[in-house]
């Protein structure tokens, strides 16, 4: 079973990671901003799905959704990283 405290800590790390990168939005193209909005919607859907999986005790599904969340957040960070480097 997944520990609620461990789960909460992982969630907070992901939320902090998401917020930390927002200050670069001004450097993004309209296409990049659109993709980030899309990624944001997907991350929210994943969190809802993850919450259901935790409630149902589906540990493998929880791990799978967490991996998907991490992948989406990495993509967002890459977009923002290149936007910052492109504006330098």
Protein backbone atom coordinates (compact mmCIF):
# COMPACT_ATOMS: atom_id res chain seq x y z
CA UNK A 1 0.00 0.00 0.00
CA UNK A 2 1.20 3.50 -0.77
CA UNK A 3 1.91 5.63 2.25
CA UNK A 4 -0.22 8.80 2.25
CA UNK A 5 2.70 10.85 3.59
CA UNK A 6 5.11 9.58 0.93
CA UNK A 7 2.48 10.22 -1.68
CA UNK A 8 1.89 13.75 -0.39
CA UNK A 9 5.62 14.49 -0.40
CA UNK A 10 5.97 13.34 -4.02
CA UNK A 11 2.98 15.45 -4.98
CA UNK A 12 4.46 18.54 -3.33
CA UNK A 13 7.78 18.05 -5.15
CA UNK A 14 5.93 17.90 -8.47
CA UNK A 15 3.85 20.99 -7.66
CA UNK A 16 6.99 22.90 -6.63
CA UNK A 17 8.68 21.78 -9.85
CA UNK A 18 5.73 23.05 -11.88
CA UNK A 19 5.61 26.43 -10.12
CA UNK A 20 9.38 26.98 -10.21
CA UNK A 21 9.44 27.09 -13.99
CA UNK A 22 6.51 29.50 -14.49
CA UNK A 23 8.63 32.66 -14.28
CA UNK A 24 9.93 32.09 -17.84
CA UNK A 25 6.52 32.30 -19.52
CA UNK A 26 7.28 35.73 -20.99
CA UNK A 27 9.98 34.25 -23.25
CA UNK A 28 7.74 31.61 -24.81
CA UNK A 29 6.27 31.70 -28.29
CA UNK A 30 2.48 31.41 -28.60
CA UNK A 31 2.93 27.80 -29.72
CA UNK A 32 5.08 26.99 -26.69
CA UNK A 33 2.58 28.63 -24.35
CA UNK A 34 -0.22 26.61 -25.98
CA UNK A 35 1.73 23.37 -25.51
CA UNK A 36 2.42 24.22 -21.87
CA UNK A 37 -1.30 24.86 -21.31
CA UNK A 38 -1.99 21.48 -22.90
CA UNK A 39 0.62 19.84 -20.68
CA UNK A 40 -0.93 21.53 -17.65
CA UNK A 41 -4.34 20.05 -18.52
CA UNK A 42 -2.79 16.61 -18.99
CA UNK A 43 -1.00 16.83 -15.63
CA UNK A 44 -4.29 17.71 -13.92
CA UNK A 45 -5.99 14.72 -15.58
CA UNK A 46 -3.14 12.51 -14.42
CA UNK A 47 -3.46 13.72 -10.83
CA UNK A 48 -7.18 12.90 -10.88
CA UNK A 49 -6.43 9.46 -12.31
CA UNK A 50 -3.65 8.94 -9.76
CA UNK A 51 -5.98 9.87 -6.90
CA UNK A 52 -8.49 7.25 -8.09
CA UNK A 53 -5.78 4.63 -8.42
CA UNK A 54 -4.52 5.36 -4.89
CA UNK A 55 -8.06 5.12 -3.53
CA UNK A 56 -8.56 1.78 -5.33
CA UNK A 57 -5.20 0.44 -4.14
CA UNK A 58 -3.86 0.02 -7.69
CA UNK A 59 -0.16 0.44 -6.97
CA UNK A 60 1.03 -0.41 -10.48
CA UNK A 61 -1.37 2.12 -11.99
CA UNK A 62 -0.18 4.74 -9.47
CA UNK A 63 3.42 4.15 -10.54
CA UNK A 64 2.46 4.32 -14.20
CA UNK A 65 0.57 7.60 -13.79
CA UNK A 66 3.39 9.08 -11.70
CA UNK A 67 5.83 8.22 -14.49
CA UNK A 68 3.52 9.93 -16.97
CA UNK A 69 3.34 13.03 -14.75
CA UNK A 70 7.12 13.13 -14.53
CA UNK A 71 7.39 12.81 -18.31
CA UNK A 72 4.94 15.66 -18.88
CA UNK A 73 6.79 17.87 -16.40
CA UNK A 74 10.14 17.07 -18.07
CA UNK A 75 8.68 18.09 -21.43
CA UNK A 76 7.47 21.37 -19.94
CA UNK A 77 10.90 22.03 -18.42
CA UNK A 78 12.57 21.36 -21.78
CA UNK A 79 10.28 23.81 -23.56
CA UNK A 80 10.98 26.48 -20.97
CA UNK A 81 14.71 25.76 -20.90
CA UNK A 82 15.00 26.27 -24.66
CA UNK A 83 12.85 29.41 -24.46
CA UNK A 84 15.23 30.90 -21.89
CA UNK A 85 18.32 29.89 -23.87
CA UNK A 86 16.79 31.30 -27.04
CA UNK A 87 16.18 34.66 -25.39
CA UNK A 88 19.75 34.98 -24.10
